[in-house]
Amino acid sequence: MERYAEPGADGRVFIGAKGATPRRNHFNLLWRRACADAGIKGMHFHDLRHTGNTLAASTGASTRELMARMGHSTARAALIYQHASADRDRLIADAVSGLVKKGRKRGARRSKKKDQKPNGHAAGTEG
């Protein structure tokens, strides 16, 4: 990062030789060099967008929130960048399982109430 980025929290990640924002073809050259220096093969700059938005989605962000982060006007465009992850799938499965168990307990309590004989003299009971 020290070689390619401007200093400071607001510094650009890539700058050209004269300190300007690099043009696309020069940016691609800088990107490939930075990846090679880091020992990363086969990574495209756009992969960072996929990764960042997959991580954002895994926090539970809604599609609307992800659309705002990515600057998309349609859900379809935002969904392109969302990928299922094994960790998130486990959380979803566990949550669904919890809802099913809760529903079964509720159903069992209702069955017990139906099986009980009424107490007292409510309408339609022994008098």
C-alpha atoms as a PDB file:
ATOM      1  CA  MET A   1       0.000   0.000   0.000  1.00  0.00           C
ATOM      2  CA  GLU A   2       2.810   2.396   0.791  1.00  0.00           C
ATOM      3  CA  ARG A   3       4.106   2.066  -2.745  1.00  0.00           C
ATOM      4  CA  TYR A   4       0.803   2.674  -4.543  1.00  0.00           C
ATOM      5  CA  ALA A   5      -1.422   4.737  -2.227  1.00  0.00           C
ATOM      6  CA  GLU A   6      -1.569   8.341  -1.100  1.00  0.00           C
ATOM      7  CA  PRO A   7      -0.983   8.887   2.608  1.00  0.00           C
ATOM      8  CA  GLY A   8      -3.828   9.657   4.991  1.00  0.00           C
ATOM      9  CA  ALA A   9      -7.276   8.261   5.659  1.00  0.00           C
ATOM     10  CA  ASP A  10      -8.734   9.975   2.581  1.00  0.00           C
ATOM     11  CA  GLY A  11      -5.834   9.148   0.253  1.00  0.00           C
ATOM     12  CA  ARG A  12      -6.538   7.414  -3.030  1.00  0.00           C
ATOM     13  CA  VAL A  13      -5.495   3.779  -3.209  1.00  0.00           C
ATOM     14  CA  PHE A  14      -3.849   4.175  -6.621  1.00  0.00           C
ATOM     15  CA  ILE A  15      -2.182   7.272  -8.016  1.00  0.00           C
ATOM     16  CA  GLY A  16      -0.357   7.868 -11.258  1.00  0.00           C
ATOM     17  CA  ALA A  17       3.310   8.794 -11.592  1.00  0.00           C
ATOM     18  CA  LYS A  18       2.495  12.519 -11.491  1.00  0.00           C
ATOM     19  CA  GLY A  19       0.054  12.210  -8.583  1.00  0.00           C
ATOM     20  CA  ALA A  20      -3.051  12.256 -10.768  1.00  0.00           C
ATOM     21  CA  THR A  21      -5.810   9.672 -10.864  1.00  0.00           C
ATOM     22  CA  PRO A  22      -4.588   7.061 -13.351  1.00  0.00           C
ATOM     23  CA  ARG A  23      -6.428   6.437 -16.598  1.00  0.00           C
ATOM     24  CA  ARG A  24      -8.046   3.055 -17.041  1.00  0.00           C
ATOM     25  CA  ASN A  25      -5.214   1.412 -19.015  1.00  0.00           C
ATOM     26  CA  HIS A  26      -2.598   2.735 -16.566  1.00  0.00           C
ATOM     27  CA  PHE A  27      -4.753   1.707 -13.617  1.00  0.00           C
ATOM     28  CA  ASN A  28      -4.893  -1.859 -14.938  1.00  0.00           C
ATOM     29  CA  LEU A  29      -1.099  -1.870 -15.119  1.00  0.00           C
ATOM     30  CA  LEU A  30      -0.847  -0.574 -11.525  1.00  0.00           C
ATOM     31  CA  TRP A  31      -3.387  -3.163 -10.365  1.00  0.00           C
ATOM     32  CA  ARG A  32      -1.527  -6.057 -11.984  1.00  0.00           C
ATOM     33  CA  ARG A  33       1.775  -4.879 -10.490  1.00  0.00           C
ATOM     34  CA  ALA A  34       0.249  -4.492  -7.025  1.00  0.00           C
ATOM     35  CA  CYS A  35      -1.251  -7.995  -7.209  1.00  0.00           C
ATOM     36  CA  ALA A  36       2.050  -9.457  -8.421  1.00  0.00           C
ATOM     37  CA  ASP A  37       3.933  -7.708  -5.599  1.00  0.00           C
ATOM     38  CA  ALA A  38       1.443  -9.156  -3.103  1.00  0.00           C
ATOM     39  CA  GLY A  39       1.705 -12.645  -4.631  1.00  0.00           C
ATOM     40  CA  ILE A  40      -1.948 -12.647  -5.705  1.00  0.00           C
ATOM     41  CA  LYS A  41      -2.790 -14.382  -8.980  1.00  0.00           C
ATOM     42  CA  GLY A  42      -6.006 -14.145 -10.981  1.00  0.00           C
ATOM     43  CA  MET A  43      -7.648 -11.373  -8.972  1.00  0.00           C
ATOM     44  CA  HIS A  44      -9.529  -8.655 -10.818  1.00  0.00           C
ATOM     45  CA  PHE A  45     -10.216  -5.251  -9.347  1.00  0.00           C
ATOM     46  CA  HIS A  46     -13.963  -5.867  -9.615  1.00  0.00           C
ATOM     47  CA  ASP A  47     -13.522  -8.888  -7.312  1.00  0.00           C
ATOM     48  CA  LEU A  48     -13.128  -6.380  -4.472  1.00  0.00           C
ATOM     49  CA  ARG A  49     -16.666  -5.138  -5.149  1.00  0.00           C
ATOM     50  CA  HIS A  50     -18.008  -8.678  -5.022  1.00  0.00           C
ATOM     51  CA  THR A  51     -16.144  -9.413  -1.803  1.00  0.00           C
ATOM     52  CA  GLY A  52     -17.111  -6.182  -0.078  1.00  0.00           C
ATOM     53  CA  ASN A  53     -20.768  -6.556  -0.905  1.00  0.00           C
ATOM     54  CA  THR A  54     -20.842 -10.257  -0.036  1.00  0.00           C
ATOM     55  CA  LEU A  55     -19.420  -9.343   3.380  1.00  0.00           C
ATOM     56  CA  ALA A  56     -21.979  -6.545   3.741  1.00  0.00           C
ATOM     57  CA  ALA A  57     -24.787  -8.965   2.831  1.00  0.00           C
ATOM     58  CA  SER A  58     -23.531 -11.476   5.407  1.00  0.00           C
ATOM     59  CA  THR A  59     -24.139  -8.899   8.153  1.00  0.00           C
ATOM     60  CA  GLY A  60     -27.847  -9.141   7.396  1.00  0.00           C
ATOM     61  CA  ALA A  61     -28.051  -5.962   5.320  1.00  0.00           C
ATOM     62  CA  SER A  62     -31.260  -5.755   3.317  1.00  0.00           C
ATOM     63  CA  THR A  63     -31.275  -5.622  -0.467  1.00  0.00           C
ATOM     64  CA  ARG A  64     -32.328  -1.953  -0.230  1.00  0.00           C
ATOM     65  CA  GLU A  65     -29.322  -1.195   2.015  1.00  0.00           C
ATOM     66  CA  LEU A  66     -26.976  -3.004  -0.345  1.00  0.00           C
ATOM     67  CA  MET A  67     -28.444  -1.112  -3.310  1.00  0.00           C
ATOM     68  CA  ALA A  68     -27.653   2.175  -1.556  1.00  0.00           C
ATOM     69  CA  ARG A  69     -24.078   1.079  -0.787  1.00  0.00           C
ATOM     70  CA  MET A  70     -23.474   0.022  -4.387  1.00  0.00           C
ATOM     71  CA  GLY A  71     -25.340   2.864  -6.072  1.00  0.00           C
ATOM     72  CA  HIS A  72     -27.783   0.533  -7.815  1.00  0.00           C
ATOM     73  CA  SER A  73     -31.298   1.576  -8.726  1.00  0.00           C
ATOM     74  CA  THR A  74     -32.677  -1.955  -9.132  1.00  0.00           C
ATOM     75  CA  ALA A  75     -32.685  -4.991  -6.878  1.00  0.00           C
ATOM     76  CA  ARG A  76     -31.666  -7.140  -9.833  1.00  0.00           C
ATOM     77  CA  ALA A  77     -28.365  -5.289 -10.187  1.00  0.00           C
ATOM     78  CA  ALA A  78     -27.684  -5.506  -6.447  1.00  0.00           C
ATOM     79  CA  LEU A  79     -28.434  -9.237  -6.343  1.00  0.00           C
ATOM     80  CA  ILE A  80     -25.666  -9.923  -8.863  1.00  0.00           C
ATOM     81  CA  TYR A  81     -23.134  -9.105  -6.161  1.00  0.00           C
ATOM     82  CA  GLN A  82     -24.694 -11.186  -3.414  1.00  0.00           C
ATOM     83  CA  HIS A  83     -23.393 -14.689  -2.963  1.00  0.00           C
ATOM     84  CA  ALA A  84     -24.518 -17.376  -0.570  1.00  0.00           C
ATOM     85  CA  SER A  85     -21.958 -18.271   2.038  1.00  0.00           C
ATOM     86  CA  ALA A  86     -21.734 -21.442   4.117  1.00  0.00           C
ATOM     87  CA  ASP A  87     -21.628 -19.449   7.366  1.00  0.00           C
ATOM     88  CA  ARG A  88     -24.706 -17.429   6.487  1.00  0.00           C
ATOM     89  CA  ASP A  89     -26.501 -20.550   5.277  1.00  0.00           C
ATOM     90  CA  ARG A  90     -25.848 -22.167   8.682  1.00  0.00           C
ATOM     91  CA  LEU A  91     -27.299 -19.117  10.468  1.00  0.00           C
ATOM     92  CA  ILE A  92     -30.396 -19.206   8.259  1.00  0.00           C
ATOM     93  CA  ALA A  93     -30.862 -22.962   8.772  1.00  0.00           C
ATOM     94  CA  ASP A  94     -30.500 -22.593  12.547  1.00  0.00           C
ATOM     95  CA  ALA A  95     -33.007 -19.726  12.616  1.00  0.00           C
ATOM     96  CA  VAL A  96     -35.553 -21.708  10.568  1.00  0.00           C
ATOM     97  CA  SER A  97     -35.036 -24.718  12.840  1.00  0.00           C
ATOM     98  CA  GLY A  98     -35.687 -22.510  15.872  1.00  0.00           C
ATOM     99  CA  LEU A  99     -38.935 -21.240  14.352  1.00  0.00           C
ATOM    100  CA  VAL A 100     -40.094 -24.802  13.621  1.00  0.00           C
ATOM    101  CA  LYS A 101     -39.333 -25.896  17.211  1.00  0.00           C
ATOM    102  CA  LYS A 102     -41.178 -22.865  18.567  1.00  0.00           C
ATOM    103  CA  GLY A 103     -44.183 -23.676  16.369  1.00  0.00           C
ATOM    104  CA  ARG A 104     -44.204 -27.304  17.524  1.00  0.00           C
ATOM    105  CA  LYS A 105     -44.148 -26.260  21.184  1.00  0.00           C
ATOM    106  CA  ARG A 106     -47.006 -23.836  20.569  1.00  0.00           C
ATOM    107  CA  GLY A 107     -48.972 -26.574  18.780  1.00  0.00           C
ATOM    108  CA  ALA A 108     -48.341 -29.038  21.620  1.00  0.00           C
ATOM    109  CA  ARG A 109     -49.643 -26.516  24.187  1.00  0.00           C
ATOM    110  CA  ARG A 110     -52.797 -25.985  22.119  1.00  0.00           C
ATOM    111  CA  SER A 111     -53.373 -29.759  21.898  1.00  0.00           C
ATOM    112  CA  LYS A 112     -53.085 -30.110  25.679  1.00  0.00           C
ATOM    113  CA  LYS A 113     -55.644 -27.344  26.188  1.00  0.00           C
ATOM    114  CA  LYS A 114     -58.113 -29.095  23.844  1.00  0.00           C
ATOM    115  CA  ASP A 115     -57.694 -32.403  25.717  1.00  0.00           C
ATOM    116  CA  GLN A 116     -58.409 -30.864  29.148  1.00  0.00           C
ATOM    117  CA  LYS A 117     -61.948 -30.990  30.539  1.00  0.00           C
ATOM    118  CA  PRO A 118     -63.369 -27.574  31.296  1.00  0.00           C
ATOM    119  CA  ASN A 119     -63.661 -26.438  34.910  1.00  0.00           C
ATOM    120  CA  GLY A 120     -66.627 -24.529  36.213  1.00  0.00           C
ATOM    121  CA  HIS A 121     -69.984 -23.772  34.685  1.00  0.00           C
ATOM    122  CA  ALA A 122     -69.163 -22.079  31.400  1.00  0.00           C
ATOM    123  CA  ALA A 123     -71.808 -22.139  28.694  1.00  0.00           C
ATOM    124  CA  GLY A 124     -72.190 -25.571  27.176  1.00  0.00           C
ATOM    125  CA  THR A 125     -70.536 -27.410  30.090  1.00  0.00           C
ATOM    126  CA  GLU A 126     -71.868 -29.454  32.949  1.00  0.00           C
ATOM    127  CA  GLY A 127     -74.144 -27.522  35.189  1.00  0.00           C
END
